[in-house]
Amino acid sequence: MTYTLDHVMMRVEDDEAAIDWYTDHLDYEVKGEMEAETFTNYFLGPEDVHDEGALLELTYNHDGRSYEMGDAWGHIAVRVEDVEEAYAELMDEGVEDYRPPEENPGYAFVKDPDGHEIEIVERDHGARWSIDHTMVRVEDATEALGYWTRTFEYQPAGRWEADSFANYFLKPEGAAEEAMTMELTYNYDGRSYEMGDAWGHVAARVDDLDDAWDAMLERDSEDYRDPESCDYNYAFTKDPDGHEVELVTK
């Protein structure tokens, strides 16, 4: 059973402004759109995104609601060949100066119009601005690592430790280097987090929805929104920290 990371969803308050920002500054294009009675989902990514590459899903609710960012979700990271050059390019285009590479050698951060943080990282693979990883914060590193490796059979793809926190990177075994990675951040001070509602979920793509769902339940993943309740189009579980994980098929 393979759970390929398919997309990451975030909610936006102005869909036109959000789409303009990502298409103007990250050269994304709208790959798909799904409109329902109360909301619209837009799927975006680079023109030449890899077959195993992840897309960005922007969800716009038609009732004009606003969102709380929380701190349980961290950021998405996008790939470039040269961080300093890419950051300078964004500054020239009028993107707000947030965390420049001079403060963070090897990476930098900007924010989109809704306040979602976007890390810029240097990679020698993948389309420019393609999604490299999604970061979520966890309260128990051992439990979180056990969940992602047991439930989704993800494998370690990197680890970085600092004085006050550690980052763990995971992805499916045998995944292309262009595939998105999950970054689990564990802070050593034992803090807890607020989920907020500005971030939505990460999604994993599977070949058979029912089989994948049954396998997850056998591994004690939460029975949150089963395939039947979602008209057998998708399903949702949650990790031990409450981050939602969608299952989709293609």
Protein backbone atom coordinates (compact mmCIF):
# COMPACT_ATOMS: atom_id res chain seq x y z
CA MET A 1 0.00 0.00 0.00
CA THR A 2 1.47 3.35 -1.09
CA TYR A 3 0.28 6.69 0.28
CA THR A 4 1.81 9.27 -2.08
CA LEU A 5 1.51 12.84 -0.81
CA ASP A 6 -0.86 14.47 -3.29
CA HIS A 7 -1.58 17.99 -2.04
CA VAL A 8 -1.73 20.30 0.94
CA MET A 9 -4.83 22.42 1.57
CA MET A 10 -5.03 25.90 3.07
CA ARG A 11 -8.02 28.22 3.39
CA VAL A 12 -8.06 31.72 1.92
CA GLU A 13 -10.34 34.71 2.52
CA ASP A 14 -10.11 36.15 -1.02
CA ASP A 15 -9.73 33.54 -3.73
CA GLU A 16 -8.89 35.99 -6.51
CA ALA A 17 -6.17 37.69 -4.47
CA ALA A 18 -4.69 34.35 -3.41
CA ILE A 19 -4.66 32.91 -6.92
CA ASP A 20 -3.13 36.11 -8.30
CA TRP A 21 -0.37 35.96 -5.67
CA TYR A 22 0.62 32.38 -6.43
CA THR A 23 0.39 32.75 -10.20
CA ASP A 24 2.22 36.09 -10.26
CA HIS A 25 5.00 35.33 -7.78
CA LEU A 26 5.47 31.54 -7.87
CA ASP A 27 4.51 31.07 -11.52
CA TYR A 28 1.78 28.61 -10.55
CA GLU A 29 -1.09 27.75 -12.83
CA VAL A 30 -4.55 26.53 -11.89
CA LYS A 31 -4.51 22.78 -12.51
CA GLY A 32 -8.09 22.11 -11.46
CA GLU A 33 -11.15 23.65 -9.86
CA MET A 34 -14.08 22.16 -7.96
CA GLU A 35 -17.03 24.38 -7.10
CA ALA A 36 -19.67 23.33 -4.59
CA GLU A 37 -22.66 25.22 -3.26
CA THR A 38 -20.79 26.74 -0.31
CA PHE A 39 -17.11 26.61 -1.28
CA THR A 40 -14.64 26.36 -4.15
CA ASN A 41 -11.38 24.39 -4.25
CA TYR A 42 -8.56 25.44 -6.56
CA PHE A 43 -5.54 23.23 -7.25
CA LEU A 44 -2.33 25.01 -8.23
CA GLY A 45 1.23 24.11 -9.10
CA PRO A 46 4.09 24.80 -11.50
CA GLU A 47 3.52 24.11 -15.18
CA ASP A 48 6.04 21.24 -15.21
CA VAL A 49 5.26 19.70 -11.82
CA HIS A 50 6.47 16.09 -11.52
CA ASP A 51 3.96 13.20 -11.70
CA GLU A 52 4.65 12.50 -8.01
CA GLY A 53 4.82 16.17 -7.10
CA ALA A 54 2.26 17.68 -4.74
CA LEU A 55 -0.16 20.47 -5.57
CA LEU A 56 -1.43 23.34 -3.45
CA GLU A 57 -5.17 23.35 -2.76
CA LEU A 58 -6.72 26.72 -1.94
CA THR A 59 -10.18 26.51 -0.38
CA TYR A 60 -12.47 29.53 -0.51
CA ASN A 61 -15.69 29.45 1.51
CA HIS A 62 -18.43 31.58 -0.02
CA ASP A 63 -19.74 32.96 3.29
CA GLY A 64 -16.84 35.40 3.70
CA ARG A 65 -15.58 33.91 6.96
CA SER A 66 -12.17 34.71 8.42
CA TYR A 67 -9.68 32.25 9.89
CA GLU A 68 -7.35 31.74 12.82
CA MET A 69 -3.84 30.68 11.83
CA GLY A 70 -2.98 28.73 14.98
CA ASP A 71 0.52 27.32 15.39
CA ALA A 72 0.09 23.56 14.96
CA TRP A 73 0.69 23.93 11.22
CA GLY A 74 3.97 25.54 10.23
CA HIS A 75 4.53 26.13 6.53
CA ILE A 76 4.96 24.76 3.07
CA ALA A 77 8.42 24.88 1.49
CA VAL A 78 9.11 25.50 -2.19
CA ARG A 79 12.22 24.66 -4.21
CA VAL A 80 14.60 26.99 -6.01
CA GLU A 81 18.19 26.70 -7.19
CA ASP A 82 19.35 29.90 -5.48
CA VAL A 83 17.55 31.20 -2.38
CA GLU A 84 19.12 34.67 -2.39
CA GLU A 85 18.27 35.20 -6.05
CA ALA A 86 14.70 33.95 -5.60
CA TYR A 87 14.11 36.08 -2.50
CA ALA A 88 15.45 39.21 -4.22
CA GLU A 89 13.15 38.48 -7.16
CA LEU A 90 10.13 38.31 -4.84
CA MET A 91 11.14 41.55 -3.12
CA ASP A 92 11.40 43.28 -6.51
CA GLU A 93 7.86 42.08 -7.24
CA GLY A 94 6.55 43.69 -4.06
CA VAL A 95 6.27 40.65 -1.78
CA GLU A 96 6.59 41.61 1.89
CA ASP A 97 10.06 41.20 3.41
CA TYR A 98 9.63 38.61 6.17
CA ARG A 99 12.66 36.39 6.92
CA PRO A 100 15.44 37.08 4.40
CA PRO A 101 18.25 34.61 3.64
CA GLU A 102 20.75 36.90 5.39
CA GLU A 103 19.09 35.87 8.66
CA ASN A 104 18.73 32.21 7.69
CA PRO A 105 21.65 31.01 5.55
CA GLY A 106 20.36 28.49 3.02
CA TYR A 107 16.67 29.30 3.33
CA ALA A 108 14.19 32.15 3.69
CA PHE A 109 10.50 32.77 4.41
CA VAL A 110 7.72 34.88 2.92
CA LYS A 111 3.98 35.02 3.61
CA ASP A 112 1.06 34.85 1.21
CA PRO A 113 -1.83 37.37 1.47
CA ASP A 114 -3.59 35.21 4.09
CA GLY A 115 -0.51 34.91 6.31
CA HIS A 116 0.48 31.35 5.45
CA GLU A 117 4.24 30.98 5.76
CA ILE A 118 6.20 29.77 2.74
CA GLU A 119 9.78 28.62 3.15
CA ILE A 120 12.16 28.90 0.21
CA VAL A 121 14.78 26.13 0.11
CA GLU A 122 17.62 25.30 -2.25
CA ARG A 123 17.27 22.04 -4.16
CA ASP A 124 18.91 20.64 -7.29
CA HIS A 125 15.78 18.73 -8.31
CA GLY A 126 12.15 19.47 -9.05
CA ALA A 127 10.43 22.30 -10.88
CA ARG A 128 11.14 25.82 -9.65
CA TRP A 129 8.73 26.76 -6.83
CA SER A 130 7.41 23.17 -6.59
CA ILE A 131 6.43 22.04 -3.09
CA ASP A 132 9.32 20.38 -1.27
CA HIS A 133 7.71 19.68 2.09
CA THR A 134 4.92 20.58 4.48
CA MET A 135 5.79 21.21 8.11
CA VAL A 136 3.53 20.41 11.06
CA ARG A 137 4.35 20.68 14.76
CA VAL A 138 3.96 17.69 17.06
CA GLU A 139 3.83 17.41 20.84
CA ASP A 140 5.38 13.93 21.13
CA ALA A 141 8.05 13.11 18.55
CA THR A 142 8.16 9.41 19.35
CA GLU A 143 4.40 9.03 19.01
CA ALA A 144 4.23 11.11 15.82
CA LEU A 145 7.10 9.26 14.13
CA GLY A 146 5.54 5.95 15.08
CA TYR A 147 2.20 7.00 13.64
CA TRP A 148 3.52 8.16 10.26
CA THR A 149 5.84 5.19 9.82
CA ARG A 150 3.29 2.61 10.99
CA THR A 151 0.12 4.01 9.39
CA PHE A 152 1.51 5.22 6.07
CA GLU A 153 4.73 3.17 5.94
CA TYR A 154 6.76 6.35 5.50
CA GLN A 155 10.53 6.21 5.76
CA PRO A 156 13.01 8.70 7.26
CA ALA A 157 14.21 11.17 4.63
CA GLY A 158 16.31 13.45 6.83
CA ARG A 159 16.75 14.78 10.34
CA TRP A 160 18.03 18.06 11.72
CA GLU A 161 18.48 18.86 15.41
CA ALA A 162 19.04 22.24 17.06
CA ASP A 163 19.40 23.23 20.72
CA SER A 164 15.67 23.69 21.24
CA PHE A 165 13.94 21.60 18.55
CA ALA A 166 14.29 18.80 16.03
CA ASN A 167 12.96 18.40 12.49
CA TYR A 168 12.17 14.95 11.12
CA PHE A 169 11.48 14.40 7.40
CA LEU A 170 9.43 11.46 6.14
CA LYS A 171 8.18 10.24 2.76
CA PRO A 172 6.98 7.00 1.13
CA GLU A 173 9.65 4.40 0.47
CA GLY A 174 10.80 4.59 -3.14
CA ALA A 175 9.16 7.98 -3.75
CA ALA A 176 10.73 10.22 -6.38
CA GLU A 177 12.97 12.96 -5.02
CA GLU A 178 10.46 15.44 -6.49
CA ALA A 179 7.72 14.09 -4.20
CA MET A 180 6.63 16.17 -1.22
CA THR A 181 8.01 15.27 2.20
CA MET A 182 6.36 15.59 5.61
CA GLU A 183 8.38 17.60 8.11
CA LEU A 184 7.55 16.95 11.77
CA THR A 185 8.87 19.64 14.11
CA TYR A 186 9.26 18.81 17.80
CA ASN A 187 10.09 21.57 20.29
CA TYR A 188 11.89 20.33 23.40
CA ASP A 189 10.09 22.64 25.85
CA GLY A 190 6.92 20.53 25.90
CA ARG A 191 4.66 23.26 24.54
CA SER A 192 1.19 22.56 23.19
CA TYR A 193 -0.35 24.01 20.04
CA GLU A 194 -3.54 25.57 18.73
CA MET A 195 -4.81 23.99 15.52
CA GLY A 196 -6.57 27.03 14.09
CA ASP A 197 -8.58 26.68 10.89
CA ALA A 198 -6.53 28.54 8.26
CA TRP A 199 -4.72 25.31 7.40
CA GLY A 200 -6.83 22.37 6.29
CA HIS A 201 -5.05 19.09 5.64
CA VAL A 202 -2.49 17.11 3.74
CA ALA A 203 -3.75 14.51 1.28
CA ALA A 204 -2.31 11.12 0.38
CA ARG A 205 -3.12 9.48 -2.95
CA VAL A 206 -3.95 5.77 -2.96
CA ASP A 207 -4.93 3.21 -5.58
CA ASP A 208 -7.96 1.82 -3.75
CA LEU A 209 -9.79 4.00 -1.23
CA ASP A 210 -11.53 1.20 0.68
CA ASP A 211 -8.41 -0.96 0.95
CA ALA A 212 -6.30 1.98 2.09
CA TRP A 213 -8.92 3.01 4.65
CA ASP A 214 -9.20 -0.51 6.07
CA ALA A 215 -5.41 -0.76 6.32
CA MET A 216 -5.29 2.51 8.27
CA LEU A 217 -7.96 1.39 10.71
CA GLU A 218 -6.08 -1.86 11.30
CA ARG A 219 -3.10 0.31 12.27
CA ASP A 220 -5.27 2.21 14.78
CA SER A 221 -5.60 5.45 12.82
CA GLU A 222 -8.63 7.52 13.80
CA ASP A 223 -11.97 6.75 12.14
CA TYR A 224 -12.83 10.38 11.41
CA ARG A 225 -14.69 10.65 8.07
CA ASP A 226 -14.95 7.26 6.41
CA PRO A 227 -15.37 6.70 2.65
CA GLU A 228 -19.11 6.06 2.94
CA SER A 229 -19.71 9.41 4.68
CA CYS A 230 -17.83 11.11 1.82
CA ASP A 231 -19.76 9.32 -0.97
CA TYR A 232 -16.72 7.13 -1.61
CA ASN A 233 -14.89 10.05 -3.20
CA TYR A 234 -12.35 10.52 -0.39
CA ALA A 235 -11.93 9.97 3.36
CA PHE A 236 -10.26 11.64 6.33
CA THR A 237 -8.30 10.52 9.35
CA LYS A 238 -6.29 12.46 11.94
CA ASP A 239 -2.79 12.02 13.29
CA PRO A 240 -2.20 11.96 17.08
CA ASP A 241 -1.81 15.77 17.10
CA GLY A 242 -5.11 16.37 15.31
CA HIS A 243 -3.75 17.21 11.86
CA GLU A 244 -6.23 16.04 9.24
CA VAL A 245 -5.06 13.63 6.53
CA GLU A 246 -7.25 13.12 3.48
CA LEU A 247 -7.17 9.99 1.32
CA VAL A 248 -7.83 10.55 -2.38
CA THR A 249 -7.63 8.50 -5.57
CA LYS A 250 -6.72 9.49 -9.11
